[in-house]
Amino acid sequence: MERFRDMQLFAALAGQPSLASAARHAQVSGPTLVRAVARLEARLRVVLLQRSTRGVSLTDAGQAYLADCVRLLAAVDAAEASANGLHVQAQGDLRIFLPLLFSRYVMAPLLAGYADRYPAVRVIAHYHDYFPNLHVEGLDVAVLVGELPSSSLIARQVGQVGTVLCASPAYLANRGEPRHPADLKQHHLIASADPVHWDFPHYTLKARARLRCATVQGAINAAVQGAGVIRALSYPLHEHLASGQLQRLLPTFELPPQPVYVVYREGRHASMRVRSFVDYCVTALREHPAFQLA
């Protein structure tokens, strides 16, 4: 029993930046977690944590063992869930991973709708812009943009997103519409960095930004008000394009779109909370206008 508890405490390190935060996540004291790791290291005769003046980090053996602990504990949870009915009824904690912009533009209403339909599920959302390791980080489901690395995860494609160039009709009436990416050098560009480096098929634009905005929403607001030309992912722009507030430019020079996937770990053995969220999310995103690139 102590070995199992030590594995549970070690698995608390998944997705946590420090021993202190892992201990808080596991609801134990720091020394308790340290002793659990020490017992595991003594039993396994390997070093799991690398200790230095800058803190602690997982060794290669520690990373491999952590992934195995998370996987084995998930299997135990699945067995218990099957026994007490979680494969029949959606309930419990659901840990999901989403790109940052999804929180503002796409996923917030979907999460609210799912919570209304499945009140016994507690959704814990993590927002980051990288490809996570679901096993190591203890995540159930992720929505990811881009080609996926090879893995054992189950992936269901829900749509695609592109990088879109646009400006307001008022701006274009005043400045004219570009016919080639090189024409953008004569336009007011809105970007997050200066100078601007925008890649197009067979052409790279290098120019000065007329307006720098720290956030995507700030840049969109400026473009809607006629401040210039913006380039952004299609899903934050879709409402403004559909309403006519912004007009799409140079569609024949756009880069190939990127796929959007819903990925999860357990496949047909997934608990009902995972299956219910995946089915709900896949259906909603496949119908969402933000992912229907023409």
C-alpha atoms as a PDB file:
ATOM      1  CA  MET A   1       0.000   0.000   0.000  1.00  0.00           C
ATOM      2  CA  GLU A   2       2.882   2.374   0.780  1.00  0.00           C
ATOM      3  CA  ARG A   3       4.368   1.741  -2.666  1.00  0.00           C
ATOM      4  CA  PHE A   4       1.073   2.671  -4.321  1.00  0.00           C
ATOM      5  CA  ARG A   5       0.784   5.835  -2.231  1.00  0.00           C
ATOM      6  CA  ASP A   6       4.371   6.799  -3.074  1.00  0.00           C
ATOM      7  CA  MET A   7       3.566   6.392  -6.768  1.00  0.00           C
ATOM      8  CA  GLN A   8       0.505   8.615  -6.339  1.00  0.00           C
ATOM      9  CA  LEU A   9       2.594  11.319  -4.679  1.00  0.00           C
ATOM     10  CA  PHE A  10       5.309  11.070  -7.323  1.00  0.00           C
ATOM     11  CA  ALA A  11       2.649  11.361 -10.053  1.00  0.00           C
ATOM     12  CA  ALA A  12       1.603  14.668  -8.479  1.00  0.00           C
ATOM     13  CA  LEU A  13       4.752  16.116 -10.060  1.00  0.00           C
ATOM     14  CA  ALA A  14       3.101  15.840 -13.488  1.00  0.00           C
ATOM     15  CA  GLY A  15       2.452  19.322 -14.845  1.00  0.00           C
ATOM     16  CA  GLN A  16       3.707  21.048 -11.691  1.00  0.00           C
ATOM     17  CA  PRO A  17       6.590  23.555 -11.754  1.00  0.00           C
ATOM     18  CA  SER A  18       8.064  22.643  -8.365  1.00  0.00           C
ATOM     19  CA  LEU A  19       7.998  20.210  -5.457  1.00  0.00           C
ATOM     20  CA  ALA A  20       6.073  22.755  -3.392  1.00  0.00           C
ATOM     21  CA  SER A  21       3.303  23.105  -5.970  1.00  0.00           C
ATOM     22  CA  ALA A  22       3.184  19.315  -6.435  1.00  0.00           C
ATOM     23  CA  ALA A  23       2.801  18.881  -2.687  1.00  0.00           C
ATOM     24  CA  ARG A  24      -0.034  21.410  -2.611  1.00  0.00           C
ATOM     25  CA  HIS A  25      -1.663  19.639  -5.555  1.00  0.00           C
ATOM     26  CA  ALA A  26      -1.412  16.308  -3.681  1.00  0.00           C
ATOM     27  CA  GLN A  27      -2.599  18.000  -0.463  1.00  0.00           C
ATOM     28  CA  VAL A  28       0.435  16.858   1.531  1.00  0.00           C
ATOM     29  CA  SER A  29       3.382  18.644   3.087  1.00  0.00           C
ATOM     30  CA  GLY A  30       6.613  19.183   1.201  1.00  0.00           C
ATOM     31  CA  PRO A  31       8.592  16.837   3.477  1.00  0.00           C
ATOM     32  CA  THR A  32       5.987  14.101   2.966  1.00  0.00           C
ATOM     33  CA  LEU A  33       6.457  14.304  -0.793  1.00  0.00           C
ATOM     34  CA  VAL A  34      10.243  14.367  -0.467  1.00  0.00           C
ATOM     35  CA  ARG A  35      10.177  11.239   1.725  1.00  0.00           C
ATOM     36  CA  ALA A  36       7.957   9.451  -0.802  1.00  0.00           C
ATOM     37  CA  VAL A  37      10.419  10.226  -3.607  1.00  0.00           C
ATOM     38  CA  ALA A  38      13.323   9.074  -1.428  1.00  0.00           C
ATOM     39  CA  ARG A  39      11.592   5.737  -0.746  1.00  0.00           C
ATOM     40  CA  LEU A  40      10.990   5.244  -4.469  1.00  0.00           C
ATOM     41  CA  GLU A  41      14.619   6.061  -5.296  1.00  0.00           C
ATOM     42  CA  ALA A  42      15.821   3.588  -2.640  1.00  0.00           C
ATOM     43  CA  ARG A  43      13.459   0.872  -3.888  1.00  0.00           C
ATOM     44  CA  LEU A  44      14.265   1.411  -7.569  1.00  0.00           C
ATOM     45  CA  ARG A  45      17.976   2.155  -6.990  1.00  0.00           C
ATOM     46  CA  VAL A  46      17.840   5.053  -9.447  1.00  0.00           C
ATOM     47  CA  VAL A  47      17.870   8.835  -9.077  1.00  0.00           C
ATOM     48  CA  LEU A  48      14.480  10.295  -9.999  1.00  0.00           C
ATOM     49  CA  LEU A  49      15.085  13.942  -9.126  1.00  0.00           C
ATOM     50  CA  GLN A  50      18.159  16.002  -9.938  1.00  0.00           C
ATOM     51  CA  ARG A  51      18.815  18.417  -7.085  1.00  0.00           C
ATOM     52  CA  SER A  52      20.842  21.612  -7.536  1.00  0.00           C
ATOM     53  CA  THR A  53      21.090  25.137  -6.125  1.00  0.00           C
ATOM     54  CA  ARG A  54      18.482  26.225  -8.697  1.00  0.00           C
ATOM     55  CA  GLY A  55      15.921  23.667  -7.528  1.00  0.00           C
ATOM     56  CA  VAL A  56      14.983  20.167  -8.642  1.00  0.00           C
ATOM     57  CA  SER A  57      14.204  18.614 -11.991  1.00  0.00           C
ATOM     58  CA  LEU A  58      13.366  15.147 -13.215  1.00  0.00           C
ATOM     59  CA  THR A  59      16.187  12.944 -14.453  1.00  0.00           C
ATOM     60  CA  ASP A  60      15.668  10.888 -17.615  1.00  0.00           C
ATOM     61  CA  ALA A  61      14.793   7.928 -15.413  1.00  0.00           C
ATOM     62  CA  GLY A  62      12.448  10.163 -13.418  1.00  0.00           C
ATOM     63  CA  GLN A  63      10.633  11.340 -16.552  1.00  0.00           C
ATOM     64  CA  ALA A  64      10.177   7.759 -17.767  1.00  0.00           C
ATOM     65  CA  TYR A  65       9.005   6.572 -14.347  1.00  0.00           C
ATOM     66  CA  LEU A  66       6.628   9.533 -14.014  1.00  0.00           C
ATOM     67  CA  ALA A  67       5.017   8.687 -17.358  1.00  0.00           C
ATOM     68  CA  ASP A  68       4.615   5.062 -16.246  1.00  0.00           C
ATOM     69  CA  CYS A  69       3.143   6.120 -12.893  1.00  0.00           C
ATOM     70  CA  VAL A  70       0.600   8.397 -14.561  1.00  0.00           C
ATOM     71  CA  ARG A  71      -0.356   5.637 -17.004  1.00  0.00           C
ATOM     72  CA  LEU A  72      -0.656   2.929 -14.345  1.00  0.00           C
ATOM     73  CA  LEU A  73      -2.620   5.129 -11.953  1.00  0.00           C
ATOM     74  CA  ALA A  74      -4.950   6.104 -14.799  1.00  0.00           C
ATOM     75  CA  ALA A  75      -5.516   2.390 -15.445  1.00  0.00           C
ATOM     76  CA  VAL A  76      -6.368   1.895 -11.769  1.00  0.00           C
ATOM     77  CA  ASP A  77      -8.764   4.838 -11.901  1.00  0.00           C
ATOM     78  CA  ALA A  78     -10.345   3.373 -15.035  1.00  0.00           C
ATOM     79  CA  ALA A  79     -10.824   0.018 -13.322  1.00  0.00           C
ATOM     80  CA  GLU A  80     -12.465   1.667 -10.328  1.00  0.00           C
ATOM     81  CA  ALA A  81     -14.548   3.861 -12.609  1.00  0.00           C
ATOM     82  CA  SER A  82     -15.793   0.783 -14.434  1.00  0.00           C
ATOM     83  CA  ALA A  83     -16.748  -0.813 -11.128  1.00  0.00           C
ATOM     84  CA  ASN A  84     -18.623   2.203  -9.739  1.00  0.00           C
ATOM     85  CA  GLY A  85     -20.317   3.284 -12.944  1.00  0.00           C
ATOM     86  CA  LEU A  86     -18.171   6.129 -14.308  1.00  0.00           C
ATOM     87  CA  HIS A  87     -18.189   4.356 -17.663  1.00  0.00           C
ATOM     88  CA  VAL A  88     -21.964   4.713 -17.614  1.00  0.00           C
ATOM     89  CA  GLN A  89     -22.340   8.158 -16.071  1.00  0.00           C
ATOM     90  CA  ALA A  90     -20.180  11.231 -16.729  1.00  0.00           C
ATOM     91  CA  GLN A  91     -18.760  12.469 -13.432  1.00  0.00           C
ATOM     92  CA  GLY A  92     -15.498  13.437 -11.752  1.00  0.00           C
ATOM     93  CA  ASP A  93     -12.595  15.705 -12.730  1.00  0.00           C
ATOM     94  CA  LEU A  94     -11.841  16.260 -16.425  1.00  0.00           C
ATOM     95  CA  ARG A  95      -8.472  17.843 -17.241  1.00  0.00           C
ATOM     96  CA  ILE A  96      -8.324  19.469 -20.668  1.00  0.00           C
ATOM     97  CA  PHE A  97      -5.636  21.389 -22.557  1.00  0.00           C
ATOM     98  CA  LEU A  98      -6.432  24.243 -24.974  1.00  0.00           C
ATOM     99  CA  PRO A  99      -4.464  26.804 -27.007  1.00  0.00           C
ATOM    100  CA  LEU A 100      -4.538  30.261 -25.427  1.00  0.00           C
ATOM    101  CA  LEU A 101      -6.736  32.016 -27.995  1.00  0.00           C
ATOM    102  CA  PHE A 102      -9.381  29.291 -27.753  1.00  0.00           C
ATOM    103  CA  SER A 103     -10.368  30.592 -24.332  1.00  0.00           C
ATOM    104  CA  ARG A 104     -11.489  33.918 -25.764  1.00  0.00           C
ATOM    105  CA  TYR A 105     -12.801  33.080 -29.203  1.00  0.00           C
ATOM    106  CA  VAL A 106     -14.081  29.515 -29.320  1.00  0.00           C
ATOM    107  CA  MET A 107     -14.027  27.324 -26.236  1.00  0.00           C
ATOM    108  CA  ALA A 108     -15.642  29.477 -23.528  1.00  0.00           C
ATOM    109  CA  PRO A 109     -19.238  28.986 -24.762  1.00  0.00           C
ATOM    110  CA  LEU A 110     -18.555  25.315 -25.531  1.00  0.00           C
ATOM    111  CA  LEU A 111     -17.280  24.693 -22.002  1.00  0.00           C
ATOM    112  CA  ALA A 112     -20.325  26.454 -20.560  1.00  0.00           C
ATOM    113  CA  GLY A 113     -22.635  24.321 -22.689  1.00  0.00           C
ATOM    114  CA  TYR A 114     -20.871  21.119 -21.683  1.00  0.00           C
ATOM    115  CA  ALA A 115     -21.008  22.063 -17.987  1.00  0.00           C
ATOM    116  CA  ASP A 116     -24.757  22.627 -18.250  1.00  0.00           C
ATOM    117  CA  ARG A 117     -25.275  19.248 -19.894  1.00  0.00           C
ATOM    118  CA  TYR A 118     -22.955  17.310 -17.549  1.00  0.00           C
ATOM    119  CA  PRO A 119     -23.147  18.989 -14.120  1.00  0.00           C
ATOM    120  CA  ALA A 120     -21.413  16.087 -12.351  1.00  0.00           C
ATOM    121  CA  VAL A 121     -18.183  16.714 -14.297  1.00  0.00           C
ATOM    122  CA  ARG A 122     -15.724  19.306 -12.992  1.00  0.00           C
ATOM    123  CA  VAL A 123     -13.696  20.716 -15.908  1.00  0.00           C
ATOM    124  CA  ILE A 124     -10.122  21.815 -15.173  1.00  0.00           C
ATOM    125  CA  ALA A 125      -8.799  23.739 -18.188  1.00  0.00           C
ATOM    126  CA  HIS A 126      -5.122  24.483 -18.909  1.00  0.00           C
ATOM    127  CA  TYR A 127      -4.295  27.164 -21.508  1.00  0.00           C
ATOM    128  CA  HIS A 128      -0.873  27.043 -23.177  1.00  0.00           C
ATOM    129  CA  ASP A 129       0.642  27.254 -26.662  1.00  0.00           C
ATOM    130  CA  TYR A 130       2.685  24.066 -26.974  1.00  0.00           C
ATOM    131  CA  PHE A 131       2.078  20.372 -27.688  1.00  0.00           C
ATOM    132  CA  PRO A 132       1.582  18.692 -24.300  1.00  0.00           C
ATOM    133  CA  ASN A 133       2.440  15.170 -23.188  1.00  0.00           C
ATOM    134  CA  LEU A 134      -0.973  14.029 -21.984  1.00  0.00           C
ATOM    135  CA  HIS A 135       0.425  11.034 -20.111  1.00  0.00           C
ATOM    136  CA  VAL A 136       3.138  12.916 -18.225  1.00  0.00           C
ATOM    137  CA  GLU A 137       0.984  15.968 -17.485  1.00  0.00           C
ATOM    138  CA  GLY A 138      -2.029  13.959 -16.371  1.00  0.00           C
ATOM    139  CA  LEU A 139      -4.359  15.443 -19.015  1.00  0.00           C
ATOM    140  CA  ASP A 140      -7.470  13.750 -20.379  1.00  0.00           C
ATOM    141  CA  VAL A 141      -8.237  15.685 -23.570  1.00  0.00           C
ATOM    142  CA  ALA A 142      -6.489  18.370 -25.652  1.00  0.00           C
ATOM    143  CA  VAL A 143      -7.458  20.541 -28.603  1.00  0.00           C
ATOM    144  CA  LEU A 144      -4.379  21.051 -30.762  1.00  0.00           C
ATOM    145  CA  VAL A 145      -3.648  23.081 -33.887  1.00  0.00           C
ATOM    146  CA  GLY A 146      -1.107  21.785 -36.409  1.00  0.00           C
ATOM    147  CA  GLU A 147       0.267  18.462 -37.560  1.00  0.00           C
ATOM    148  CA  LEU A 148       0.552  16.057 -34.643  1.00  0.00           C
ATOM    149  CA  PRO A 149       3.760  14.263 -33.682  1.00  0.00           C
ATOM    150  CA  SER A 150       3.613  10.495 -33.879  1.00  0.00           C
ATOM    151  CA  SER A 151       2.072   9.084 -30.697  1.00  0.00           C
ATOM    152  CA  SER A 152      -0.361   6.548 -29.305  1.00  0.00           C
ATOM    153  CA  LEU A 153      -3.024   9.222 -28.749  1.00  0.00           C
ATOM    154  CA  ILE A 154      -6.450   9.008 -30.357  1.00  0.00           C
ATOM    155  CA  ALA A 155      -6.960  12.027 -32.655  1.00  0.00           C
ATOM    156  CA  ARG A 156     -10.149  13.272 -34.314  1.00  0.00           C
ATOM    157  CA  GLN A 157      -9.887  16.132 -36.790  1.00  0.00           C
ATOM    158  CA  VAL A 158     -12.547  18.820 -36.364  1.00  0.00           C
ATOM    159  CA  GLY A 159     -11.540  21.421 -38.945  1.00  0.00           C
ATOM    160  CA  GLN A 160      -8.715  23.640 -40.061  1.00  0.00           C
ATOM    161  CA  VAL A 161      -7.428  27.151 -39.478  1.00  0.00           C
ATOM    162  CA  GLY A 162      -5.430  29.456 -41.684  1.00  0.00           C
ATOM    163  CA  THR A 163      -3.449  32.659 -41.429  1.00  0.00           C
ATOM    164  CA  VAL A 164      -5.621  35.401 -42.910  1.00  0.00           C
ATOM    165  CA  LEU A 165      -4.756  38.889 -44.124  1.00  0.00           C
ATOM    166  CA  CYS A 166      -7.527  41.492 -43.828  1.00  0.00           C
ATOM    167  CA  ALA A 167      -8.478  45.150 -43.395  1.00  0.00           C
ATOM    168  CA  SER A 168     -11.628  47.209 -42.990  1.00  0.00           C
ATOM    169  CA  PRO A 169     -13.641  48.292 -46.062  1.00  0.00           C
ATOM    170  CA  ALA A 170     -13.125  51.939 -45.057  1.00  0.00           C
ATOM    171  CA  TYR A 171      -9.337  51.519 -44.988  1.00  0.00           C
ATOM    172  CA  LEU A 172      -9.339  49.788 -48.373  1.00  0.00           C
ATOM    173  CA  ALA A 173     -11.555  52.480 -49.883  1.00  0.00           C
ATOM    174  CA  ASN A 174      -8.954  55.030 -48.824  1.00  0.00           C
ATOM    175  CA  ARG A 175      -5.713  53.151 -49.510  1.00  0.00           C
ATOM    176  CA  GLY A 176      -6.684  50.649 -52.206  1.00  0.00           C
ATOM    177  CA  GLU A 177      -6.541  46.850 -52.149  1.00  0.00           C
ATOM    178  CA  PRO A 178      -3.175  45.063 -52.525  1.00  0.00           C
ATOM    179  CA  ARG A 179      -2.841  42.648 -55.434  1.00  0.00           C
ATOM    180  CA  HIS A 180       0.450  41.019 -54.362  1.00  0.00           C
ATOM    181  CA  PRO A 181       2.184  40.649 -50.978  1.00  0.00           C
ATOM    182  CA  ALA A 182       4.856  43.095 -52.162  1.00  0.00           C
ATOM    183  CA  ASP A 183       2.150  45.786 -52.378  1.00  0.00           C
ATOM    184  CA  LEU A 184       1.827  45.625 -48.577  1.00  0.00           C
ATOM    185  CA  LYS A 185       4.995  47.721 -48.273  1.00  0.00           C
ATOM    186  CA  GLN A 186       2.838  50.685 -49.298  1.00  0.00           C
ATOM    187  CA  HIS A 187       0.197  49.960 -46.630  1.00  0.00           C
ATOM    188  CA  HIS A 188      -0.198  50.583 -42.911  1.00  0.00           C
ATOM    189  CA  LEU A 189       0.617  47.277 -41.216  1.00  0.00           C
ATOM    190  CA  ILE A 190      -0.632  46.246 -37.772  1.00  0.00           C
ATOM    191  CA  ALA A 191       1.567  43.633 -36.089  1.00  0.00           C
ATOM    192  CA  SER A 192       2.917  42.425 -32.759  1.00  0.00           C
ATOM    193  CA  ALA A 193       6.541  42.982 -33.757  1.00  0.00           C
ATOM    194  CA  ASP A 194       8.563  45.467 -35.779  1.00  0.00           C
ATOM    195  CA  PRO A 195       9.978  44.972 -38.335  1.00  0.00           C
ATOM    196  CA  VAL A 196       7.311  42.748 -39.877  1.00  0.00           C
ATOM    197  CA  HIS A 197       8.292  39.364 -41.341  1.00  0.00           C
ATOM    198  CA  TRP A 198       5.288  37.730 -43.021  1.00  0.00           C
ATOM    199  CA  ASP A 199       5.836  34.581 -45.071  1.00  0.00           C
ATOM    200  CA  PHE A 200       3.786  33.926 -48.187  1.00  0.00           C
ATOM    201  CA  PRO A 201       4.241  31.189 -50.812  1.00  0.00           C
ATOM    202  CA  HIS A 202       7.449  32.079 -52.686  1.00  0.00           C
ATOM    203  CA  TYR A 203       7.675  35.496 -51.016  1.00  0.00           C
ATOM    204  CA  THR A 204       8.651  36.958 -47.625  1.00  0.00           C
ATOM    205  CA  LEU A 205       7.473  40.435 -46.729  1.00  0.00           C
ATOM    206  CA  LYS A 206       9.908  42.556 -44.709  1.00  0.00           C
ATOM    207  CA  ALA A 207       8.479  45.937 -43.773  1.00  0.00           C
ATOM    208  CA  ARG A 208       7.916  48.336 -40.890  1.00  0.00           C
ATOM    209  CA  ALA A 209       4.801  48.132 -38.766  1.00  0.00           C
ATOM    210  CA  ARG A 210       2.730  51.311 -38.605  1.00  0.00           C
ATOM    211  CA  LEU A 211       1.088  50.095 -35.391  1.00  0.00           C
ATOM    212  CA  ARG A 212       2.332  47.533 -32.866  1.00  0.00           C
ATOM    213  CA  CYS A 213      -0.222  45.775 -30.661  1.00  0.00           C
ATOM    214  CA  ALA A 214       0.639  43.488 -27.765  1.00  0.00           C
ATOM    215  CA  THR A 215      -2.537  41.400 -28.096  1.00  0.00           C
ATOM    216  CA  VAL A 216      -4.443  39.855 -30.978  1.00  0.00           C
ATOM    217  CA  GLN A 217      -7.667  41.488 -29.837  1.00  0.00           C
ATOM    218  CA  GLY A 218      -6.020  44.900 -29.780  1.00  0.00           C
ATOM    219  CA  ALA A 219      -4.786  44.418 -33.333  1.00  0.00           C
ATOM    220  CA  ILE A 220      -8.228  43.271 -34.484  1.00  0.00           C
ATOM    221  CA  ASN A 221      -9.884  46.281 -32.861  1.00  0.00           C
ATOM    222  CA  ALA A 222      -7.421  48.612 -34.591  1.00  0.00           C
ATOM    223  CA  ALA A 223      -8.043  46.969 -37.978  1.00  0.00           C
ATOM    224  CA  VAL A 224     -11.828  47.210 -37.548  1.00  0.00           C
ATOM    225  CA  GLN A 225     -11.397  50.945 -36.887  1.00  0.00           C
ATOM    226  CA  GLY A 226      -9.496  51.362 -40.148  1.00  0.00           C
ATOM    227  CA  ALA A 227      -5.943  51.608 -38.797  1.00  0.00           C
ATOM    228  CA  GLY A 228      -4.448  49.238 -41.350  1.00  0.00           C
ATOM    229  CA  VAL A 229      -3.860  45.651 -42.470  1.00  0.00           C
ATOM    230  CA  ILE A 230      -3.720  42.794 -39.975  1.00  0.00           C
ATOM    231  CA  ARG A 231      -2.598  39.199 -40.318  1.00  0.00           C
ATOM    232  CA  ALA A 232      -3.898  36.658 -37.804  1.00  0.00           C
ATOM    233  CA  LEU A 233      -5.259  33.153 -37.381  1.00  0.00           C
ATOM    234  CA  SER A 234      -8.675  32.764 -38.942  1.00  0.00           C
ATOM    235  CA  TYR A 235     -10.677  31.803 -35.858  1.00  0.00           C
ATOM    236  CA  PRO A 236     -10.310  35.129 -33.974  1.00  0.00           C
ATOM    237  CA  LEU A 237     -11.316  36.920 -37.196  1.00  0.00           C
ATOM    238  CA  HIS A 238     -14.264  34.874 -38.413  1.00  0.00           C
ATOM    239  CA  GLU A 239     -17.036  36.988 -36.821  1.00  0.00           C
ATOM    240  CA  HIS A 240     -15.573  40.221 -38.179  1.00  0.00           C
ATOM    241  CA  LEU A 241     -15.172  38.711 -41.652  1.00  0.00           C
ATOM    242  CA  ALA A 242     -18.704  37.291 -41.610  1.00  0.00           C
ATOM    243  CA  SER A 243     -20.183  40.658 -40.533  1.00  0.00           C
ATOM    244  CA  GLY A 244     -18.239  42.600 -43.151  1.00  0.00           C
ATOM    245  CA  GLN A 245     -16.287  44.645 -40.603  1.00  0.00           C
ATOM    246  CA  LEU A 246     -13.122  43.187 -42.106  1.00  0.00           C
ATOM    247  CA  GLN A 247     -12.396  42.082 -45.671  1.00  0.00           C
ATOM    248  CA  ARG A 248     -10.137  39.155 -46.535  1.00  0.00           C
ATOM    249  CA  LEU A 249      -7.132  40.053 -48.698  1.00  0.00           C
ATOM    250  CA  LEU A 250      -4.886  38.058 -51.028  1.00  0.00           C
ATOM    251  CA  PRO A 251      -6.587  34.672 -50.450  1.00  0.00           C
ATOM    252  CA  THR A 252      -4.582  33.076 -53.279  1.00  0.00           C
ATOM    253  CA  PHE A 253      -1.348  33.915 -51.422  1.00  0.00           C
ATOM    254  CA  GLU A 254      -2.334  32.306 -48.116  1.00  0.00           C
ATOM    255  CA  LEU A 255      -0.230  29.530 -46.614  1.00  0.00           C
ATOM    256  CA  PRO A 256      -1.774  26.034 -46.435  1.00  0.00           C
ATOM    257  CA  PRO A 257      -4.249  25.743 -43.523  1.00  0.00           C
ATOM    258  CA  GLN A 258      -3.392  23.796 -40.390  1.00  0.00           C
ATOM    259  CA  PRO A 259      -5.596  20.966 -39.079  1.00  0.00           C
ATOM    260  CA  VAL A 260      -7.351  21.167 -35.712  1.00  0.00           C
ATOM    261  CA  TYR A 261      -7.595  17.979 -33.651  1.00  0.00           C
ATOM    262  CA  VAL A 262      -9.272  16.778 -30.478  1.00  0.00           C
ATOM    263  CA  VAL A 263      -6.905  14.220 -28.929  1.00  0.00           C
ATOM    264  CA  TYR A 264      -7.272  11.921 -25.936  1.00  0.00           C
ATOM    265  CA  ARG A 265      -5.562   8.939 -24.370  1.00  0.00           C
ATOM    266  CA  GLU A 266      -7.703   5.956 -23.539  1.00  0.00           C
ATOM    267  CA  GLY A 267      -9.631   5.252 -26.745  1.00  0.00           C
ATOM    268  CA  ARG A 268     -12.505   2.825 -26.267  1.00  0.00           C
ATOM    269  CA  HIS A 269     -11.515   2.342 -22.610  1.00  0.00           C
ATOM    270  CA  ALA A 270     -12.015   6.039 -21.815  1.00  0.00           C
ATOM    271  CA  SER A 271     -14.348   6.975 -18.988  1.00  0.00           C
ATOM    272  CA  MET A 272     -17.734   8.450 -19.768  1.00  0.00           C
ATOM    273  CA  ARG A 273     -16.573  11.934 -18.737  1.00  0.00           C
ATOM    274  CA  VAL A 274     -13.820  11.778 -21.372  1.00  0.00           C
ATOM    275  CA  ARG A 275     -16.021  10.226 -24.053  1.00  0.00           C
ATOM    276  CA  SER A 276     -18.849  12.670 -23.358  1.00  0.00           C
ATOM    277  CA  PHE A 277     -16.533  15.682 -23.657  1.00  0.00           C
ATOM    278  CA  VAL A 278     -14.793  14.391 -26.791  1.00  0.00           C
ATOM    279  CA  ASP A 279     -18.117  13.699 -28.523  1.00  0.00           C
ATOM    280  CA  TYR A 280     -19.563  17.050 -27.455  1.00  0.00           C
ATOM    281  CA  CYS A 281     -16.419  18.957 -28.444  1.00  0.00           C
ATOM    282  CA  VAL A 282     -15.966  17.206 -31.806  1.00  0.00           C
ATOM    283  CA  THR A 283     -19.588  17.835 -32.806  1.00  0.00           C
ATOM    284  CA  ALA A 284     -19.524  21.475 -31.732  1.00  0.00           C
ATOM    285  CA  LEU A 285     -16.167  22.299 -33.347  1.00  0.00           C
ATOM    286  CA  ARG A 286     -17.017  20.592 -36.643  1.00  0.00           C
ATOM    287  CA  GLU A 287     -20.080  22.829 -36.856  1.00  0.00           C
ATOM    288  CA  HIS A 288     -18.254  25.979 -35.699  1.00  0.00           C
ATOM    289  CA  PRO A 289     -17.862  28.604 -38.462  1.00  0.00           C
ATOM    290  CA  ALA A 290     -14.366  29.503 -37.229  1.00  0.00           C
ATOM    291  CA  PHE A 291     -13.021  26.235 -38.644  1.00  0.00           C
ATOM    292  CA  GLN A 292     -14.796  26.201 -41.983  1.00  0.00           C
ATOM    293  CA  LEU A 293     -12.127  27.789 -44.155  1.00  0.00           C
ATOM    294  CA  ALA A 294     -13.336  28.416 -47.698  1.00  0.00           C
END
